[in-house]
Amino acid sequence: MGGGDKFVFGGLIGLFGLAGLFVASRAEGEPMPYWGGLGFTLFAVLFIFFLIRNSYNGHGGHGH
């Protein structure tokens, strides 16, 4: 996956993370959509950090 592809993919994952926050905000007293939305947002943030780490290590980083 090239640099531009990772940027687009990270942007889409970020939008899905925002959608997870929207689902969590609309859960009126229901635990499943609330925790599911927050969990999906956490997954999206961690996945974006994973993409950043792989991009850094793939371009001459200090990946020991």
PDB file of N, CA and C in Angstrom:
ATOM      1  N   MET A   1       0.846  -1.165   0.000  1.00  0.00           N
ATOM      2  CA  MET A   1       0.000   0.000   0.000  1.00  0.00           C
ATOM      3  C   MET A   1       0.894   1.232   0.000  1.00  0.00           C
ATOM      4  N   GLY A   2       0.657   2.127  -0.924  1.00  0.00           N
ATOM      5  CA  GLY A   2       1.471   3.335  -1.028  1.00  0.00           C
ATOM      6  C   GLY A   2       1.089   4.386  -0.007  1.00  0.00           C
ATOM      7  N   GLY A   3       1.852   5.488  -0.001  1.00  0.00           N
ATOM      8  CA  GLY A   3       1.616   6.550   0.966  1.00  0.00           C
ATOM      9  C   GLY A   3       0.266   7.216   0.797  1.00  0.00           C
ATOM     10  N   GLY A   4      -0.121   7.460  -0.443  1.00  0.00           N
ATOM     11  CA  GLY A   4      -1.416   8.083  -0.696  1.00  0.00           C
ATOM     12  C   GLY A   4      -2.571   7.180  -0.329  1.00  0.00           C
ATOM     13  N   ASP A   5      -2.405   5.896  -0.570  1.00  0.00           N
ATOM     14  CA  ASP A   5      -3.444   4.936  -0.213  1.00  0.00           C
ATOM     15  C   ASP A   5      -3.639   4.869   1.298  1.00  0.00           C
ATOM     16  N   LYS A   6      -2.530   4.906   2.038  1.00  0.00           N
ATOM     17  CA  LYS A   6      -2.628   4.881   3.496  1.00  0.00           C
ATOM     18  C   LYS A   6      -3.319   6.138   4.015  1.00  0.00           C
ATOM     19  N   PHE A   7      -3.069   7.260   3.371  1.00  0.00           N
ATOM     20  CA  PHE A   7      -3.697   8.512   3.784  1.00  0.00           C
ATOM     21  C   PHE A   7      -5.208   8.445   3.589  1.00  0.00           C
ATOM     22  N   VAL A   8      -5.639   7.947   2.446  1.00  0.00           N
ATOM     23  CA  VAL A   8      -7.071   7.829   2.155  1.00  0.00           C
ATOM     24  C   VAL A   8      -7.716   6.806   3.090  1.00  0.00           C
ATOM     25  N   PHE A   9      -7.045   5.670   3.276  1.00  0.00           N
ATOM     26  CA  PHE A   9      -7.565   4.622   4.149  1.00  0.00           C
ATOM     27  C   PHE A   9      -7.672   5.128   5.586  1.00  0.00           C
ATOM     28  N   GLY A  10      -6.675   5.860   6.058  1.00  0.00           N
ATOM     29  CA  GLY A  10      -6.720   6.440   7.400  1.00  0.00           C
ATOM     30  C   GLY A  10      -7.853   7.448   7.537  1.00  0.00           C
ATOM     31  N   GLY A  11      -8.100   8.220   6.494  1.00  0.00           N
ATOM     32  CA  GLY A  11      -9.213   9.167   6.516  1.00  0.00           C
ATOM     33  C   GLY A  11     -10.559   8.476   6.611  1.00  0.00           C
ATOM     34  N   LEU A  12     -10.712   7.388   5.874  1.00  0.00           N
ATOM     35  CA  LEU A  12     -11.963   6.628   5.941  1.00  0.00           C
ATOM     36  C   LEU A  12     -12.152   5.999   7.325  1.00  0.00           C
ATOM     37  N   ILE A  13     -11.085   5.457   7.880  1.00  0.00           N
ATOM     38  CA  ILE A  13     -11.175   4.882   9.220  1.00  0.00           C
ATOM     39  C   ILE A  13     -11.511   5.974  10.232  1.00  0.00           C
ATOM     40  N   GLY A  14     -10.961   7.175  10.050  1.00  0.00           N
ATOM     41  CA  GLY A  14     -11.295   8.299  10.926  1.00  0.00           C
ATOM     42  C   GLY A  14     -12.773   8.668  10.843  1.00  0.00           C
ATOM     43  N   LEU A  15     -13.330   8.637   9.642  1.00  0.00           N
ATOM     44  CA  LEU A  15     -14.765   8.906   9.488  1.00  0.00           C
ATOM     45  C   LEU A  15     -15.601   7.834  10.169  1.00  0.00           C
ATOM     46  N   PHE A  16     -15.167   6.580  10.077  1.00  0.00           N
ATOM     47  CA  PHE A  16     -15.878   5.500  10.760  1.00  0.00           C
ATOM     48  C   PHE A  16     -15.783   5.675  12.278  1.00  0.00           C
ATOM     49  N   GLY A  17     -14.639   6.162  12.758  1.00  0.00           N
ATOM     50  CA  GLY A  17     -14.503   6.445  14.186  1.00  0.00           C
ATOM     51  C   GLY A  17     -15.459   7.538  14.637  1.00  0.00           C
ATOM     52  N   LEU A  18     -15.615   8.570  13.814  1.00  0.00           N
ATOM     53  CA  LEU A  18     -16.591   9.614  14.129  1.00  0.00           C
ATOM     54  C   LEU A  18     -18.014   9.071  14.110  1.00  0.00           C
ATOM     55  N   ALA A  19     -18.284   8.153  13.197  1.00  0.00           N
ATOM     56  CA  ALA A  19     -19.607   7.521  13.165  1.00  0.00           C
ATOM     57  C   ALA A  19     -19.838   6.719  14.443  1.00  0.00           C
ATOM     58  N   GLY A  20     -18.792   6.065  14.958  1.00  0.00           N
ATOM     59  CA  GLY A  20     -18.909   5.349  16.220  1.00  0.00           C
ATOM     60  C   GLY A  20     -19.237   6.288  17.373  1.00  0.00           C
ATOM     61  N   LEU A  21     -18.626   7.472  17.382  1.00  0.00           N
ATOM     62  CA  LEU A  21     -18.956   8.459  18.409  1.00  0.00           C
ATOM     63  C   LEU A  21     -20.392   8.941  18.270  1.00  0.00           C
ATOM     64  N   PHE A  22     -20.853   9.075  17.036  1.00  0.00           N
ATOM     65  CA  PHE A  22     -22.237   9.486  16.810  1.00  0.00           C
ATOM     66  C   PHE A  22     -23.204   8.429  17.342  1.00  0.00           C
ATOM     67  N   VAL A  23     -22.894   7.152  17.088  1.00  0.00           N
ATOM     68  CA  VAL A  23     -23.740   6.070  17.600  1.00  0.00           C
ATOM     69  C   VAL A  23     -23.752   6.089  19.122  1.00  0.00           C
ATOM     70  N   ALA A  24     -22.584   6.280  19.735  1.00  0.00           N
ATOM     71  CA  ALA A  24     -22.500   6.305  21.189  1.00  0.00           C
ATOM     72  C   ALA A  24     -23.275   7.486  21.774  1.00  0.00           C
ATOM     73  N   SER A  25     -23.279   8.612  21.080  1.00  0.00           N
ATOM     74  CA  SER A  25     -23.982   9.779  21.603  1.00  0.00           C
ATOM     75  C   SER A  25     -25.495   9.628  21.502  1.00  0.00           C
ATOM     76  N   ARG A  26     -25.970   8.804  20.572  1.00  0.00           N
ATOM     77  CA  ARG A  26     -27.407   8.617  20.377  1.00  0.00           C
ATOM     78  C   ARG A  26     -27.979   7.454  21.176  1.00  0.00           C
ATOM     79  N   ALA A  27     -27.149   6.752  21.931  1.00  0.00           N
ATOM     80  CA  ALA A  27     -27.624   5.615  22.717  1.00  0.00           C
ATOM     81  C   ALA A  27     -28.267   6.133  23.997  1.00  0.00           C
ATOM     82  N   GLU A  28     -29.573   6.206  24.006  1.00  0.00           N
ATOM     83  CA  GLU A  28     -30.306   6.783  25.135  1.00  0.00           C
ATOM     84  C   GLU A  28     -30.513   5.740  26.224  1.00  0.00           C
ATOM     85  N   GLY A  29     -29.500   5.561  27.062  1.00  0.00           N
ATOM     86  CA  GLY A  29     -29.613   4.637  28.173  1.00  0.00           C
ATOM     87  C   GLY A  29     -29.364   3.182  27.813  1.00  0.00           C
ATOM     88  N   GLU A  30     -29.074   2.902  26.565  1.00  0.00           N
ATOM     89  CA  GLU A  30     -28.800   1.531  26.130  1.00  0.00           C
ATOM     90  C   GLU A  30     -27.297   1.284  26.171  1.00  0.00           C
ATOM     91  N   PRO A  31     -26.857   0.248  26.874  1.00  0.00           N
ATOM     92  CA  PRO A  31     -25.410   0.044  27.011  1.00  0.00           C
ATOM     93  C   PRO A  31     -24.727  -0.495  25.754  1.00  0.00           C
ATOM     94  N   MET A  32     -25.416  -1.307  24.959  1.00  0.00           N
ATOM     95  CA  MET A  32     -24.751  -1.931  23.808  1.00  0.00           C
ATOM     96  C   MET A  32     -24.316  -0.914  22.752  1.00  0.00           C
ATOM     97  N   PRO A  33     -25.197  -0.028  22.273  1.00  0.00           N
ATOM     98  CA  PRO A  33     -24.722   0.947  21.286  1.00  0.00           C
ATOM     99  C   PRO A  33     -23.704   1.930  21.862  1.00  0.00           C
ATOM    100  N   TYR A  34     -23.850   2.259  23.136  1.00  0.00           N
ATOM    101  CA  TYR A  34     -22.912   3.197  23.758  1.00  0.00           C
ATOM    102  C   TYR A  34     -21.505   2.610  23.784  1.00  0.00           C
ATOM    103  N   TRP A  35     -21.360   1.433  24.384  1.00  0.00           N
ATOM    104  CA  TRP A  35     -20.037   0.820  24.497  1.00  0.00           C
ATOM    105  C   TRP A  35     -19.536   0.318  23.150  1.00  0.00           C
ATOM    106  N   GLY A  36     -20.443  -0.103  22.284  1.00  0.00           N
ATOM    107  CA  GLY A  36     -20.034  -0.521  20.940  1.00  0.00           C
ATOM    108  C   GLY A  36     -19.478   0.643  20.136  1.00  0.00           C
ATOM    109  N   GLY A  37     -20.133   1.792  20.220  1.00  0.00           N
ATOM    110  CA  GLY A  37     -19.651   2.976  19.515  1.00  0.00           C
ATOM    111  C   GLY A  37     -18.316   3.456  20.048  1.00  0.00           C
ATOM    112  N   LEU A  38     -18.173   3.457  21.382  1.00  0.00           N
ATOM    113  CA  LEU A  38     -16.892   3.861  21.965  1.00  0.00           C
ATOM    114  C   LEU A  38     -15.789   2.865  21.634  1.00  0.00           C
ATOM    115  N   GLY A  39     -16.130   1.582  21.651  1.00  0.00           N
ATOM    116  CA  GLY A  39     -15.141   0.552  21.302  1.00  0.00           C
ATOM    117  C   GLY A  39     -14.697   0.668  19.855  1.00  0.00           C
ATOM    118  N   PHE A  40     -15.633   0.930  18.962  1.00  0.00           N
ATOM    119  CA  PHE A  40     -15.278   1.077  17.551  1.00  0.00           C
ATOM    120  C   PHE A  40     -14.419   2.312  17.337  1.00  0.00           C
ATOM    121  N   THR A  41     -14.717   3.391  18.062  1.00  0.00           N
ATOM    122  CA  THR A  41     -13.899   4.598  17.965  1.00  0.00           C
ATOM    123  C   THR A  41     -12.486   4.333  18.476  1.00  0.00           C
ATOM    124  N   LEU A  42     -12.374   3.601  19.577  1.00  0.00           N
ATOM    125  CA  LEU A  42     -11.059   3.246  20.100  1.00  0.00           C
ATOM    126  C   LEU A  42     -10.289   2.392  19.095  1.00  0.00           C
ATOM    127  N   PHE A  43     -10.968   1.430  18.475  1.00  0.00           N
ATOM    128  CA  PHE A  43     -10.340   0.622  17.442  1.00  0.00           C
ATOM    129  C   PHE A  43      -9.847   1.485  16.289  1.00  0.00           C
ATOM    130  N   ALA A  44     -10.655   2.451  15.857  1.00  0.00           N
ATOM    131  CA  ALA A  44     -10.276   3.315  14.743  1.00  0.00           C
ATOM    132  C   ALA A  44      -9.040   4.148  15.087  1.00  0.00           C
ATOM    133  N   VAL A  45      -8.993   4.690  16.301  1.00  0.00           N
ATOM    134  CA  VAL A  45      -7.840   5.497  16.712  1.00  0.00           C
ATOM    135  C   VAL A  45      -6.583   4.640  16.766  1.00  0.00           C
ATOM    136  N   LEU A  46      -6.685   3.449  17.353  1.00  0.00           N
ATOM    137  CA  LEU A  46      -5.528   2.559  17.437  1.00  0.00           C
ATOM    138  C   LEU A  46      -5.069   2.106  16.055  1.00  0.00           C
ATOM    139  N   PHE A  47      -6.008   1.874  15.147  1.00  0.00           N
ATOM    140  CA  PHE A  47      -5.644   1.472  13.795  1.00  0.00           C
ATOM    141  C   PHE A  47      -4.934   2.600  13.055  1.00  0.00           C
ATOM    142  N   ILE A  48      -5.364   3.839  13.273  1.00  0.00           N
ATOM    143  CA  ILE A  48      -4.682   4.976  12.644  1.00  0.00           C
ATOM    144  C   ILE A  48      -3.269   5.112  13.191  1.00  0.00           C
ATOM    145  N   PHE A  49      -3.084   4.910  14.508  1.00  0.00           N
ATOM    146  CA  PHE A  49      -1.735   4.910  15.070  1.00  0.00           C
ATOM    147  C   PHE A  49      -0.890   3.788  14.473  1.00  0.00           C
ATOM    148  N   PHE A  50      -1.501   2.627  14.226  1.00  0.00           N
ATOM    149  CA  PHE A  50      -0.811   1.511  13.594  1.00  0.00           C
ATOM    150  C   PHE A  50      -0.354   1.892  12.180  1.00  0.00           C
ATOM    151  N   LEU A  51      -1.213   2.572  11.419  1.00  0.00           N
ATOM    152  CA  LEU A  51      -0.835   3.014  10.073  1.00  0.00           C
ATOM    153  C   LEU A  51       0.317   4.012  10.131  1.00  0.00           C
ATOM    154  N   ILE A  52       0.272   4.921  11.104  1.00  0.00           N
ATOM    155  CA  ILE A  52       1.348   5.900  11.244  1.00  0.00           C
ATOM    156  C   ILE A  52       2.662   5.200  11.575  1.00  0.00           C
ATOM    157  N   ARG A  53       2.610   4.237  12.500  1.00  0.00           N
ATOM    158  CA  ARG A  53       3.821   3.512  12.891  1.00  0.00           C
ATOM    159  C   ARG A  53       4.405   2.747  11.708  1.00  0.00           C
ATOM    160  N   ASN A  54       3.558   2.068  10.956  1.00  0.00           N
ATOM    161  CA  ASN A  54       4.050   1.324   9.798  1.00  0.00           C
ATOM    162  C   ASN A  54       4.601   2.246   8.719  1.00  0.00           C
ATOM    163  N   SER A  55       3.996   3.397   8.546  1.00  0.00           N
ATOM    164  CA  SER A  55       4.501   4.346   7.568  1.00  0.00           C
ATOM    165  C   SER A  55       5.857   4.888   7.991  1.00  0.00           C
ATOM    166  N   TYR A  56       6.026   5.163   9.279  1.00  0.00           N
ATOM    167  CA  TYR A  56       7.294   5.682   9.790  1.00  0.00           C
ATOM    168  C   TYR A  56       8.372   4.618   9.667  1.00  0.00           C
ATOM    169  N   ASN A  57       8.093   3.390  10.055  1.00  0.00           N
ATOM    170  CA  ASN A  57       9.084   2.316   9.977  1.00  0.00           C
ATOM    171  C   ASN A  57       9.395   1.945   8.542  1.00  0.00           C
ATOM    172  N   GLY A  58       8.490   2.152   7.646  1.00  0.00           N
ATOM    173  CA  GLY A  58       8.713   1.804   6.252  1.00  0.00           C
ATOM    174  C   GLY A  58       9.520   2.818   5.485  1.00  0.00           C
ATOM    175  N   HIS A  59       9.743   4.014   6.047  1.00  0.00           N
ATOM    176  CA  HIS A  59      10.454   5.080   5.332  1.00  0.00           C
ATOM    177  C   HIS A  59      11.693   5.532   6.070  1.00  0.00           C
ATOM    178  N   GLY A  60      12.488   4.593   6.542  1.00  0.00           N
ATOM    179  CA  GLY A  60      13.767   4.957   7.138  1.00  0.00           C
ATOM    180  C   GLY A  60      13.720   5.354   8.584  1.00  0.00           C
ATOM    181  N   GLY A  61      12.693   4.919   9.311  1.00  0.00           N
ATOM    182  CA  GLY A  61      12.605   5.220  10.739  1.00  0.00           C
ATOM    183  C   GLY A  61      13.620   4.388  11.507  1.00  0.00           C
ATOM    184  N   HIS A  62      13.652   4.582  12.784  1.00  0.00           N
ATOM    185  CA  HIS A  62      14.609   3.887  13.650  1.00  0.00           C
ATOM    186  C   HIS A  62      14.033   2.602  14.189  1.00  0.00           C
ATOM    187  N   GLY A  63      13.145   1.924  13.525  1.00  0.00           N
ATOM    188  CA  GLY A  63      12.452   0.739  14.027  1.00  0.00           C
ATOM    189  C   GLY A  63      13.360  -0.361  14.523  1.00  0.00           C
ATOM    190  N   HIS A  64      13.771  -0.297  15.766  1.00  0.00           N
ATOM    191  CA  HIS A  64      14.640  -1.313  16.356  1.00  0.00           C
ATOM    192  C   HIS A  64      13.840  -2.517  16.736  1.00  0.00           C
TER     193      HIS A  64
END
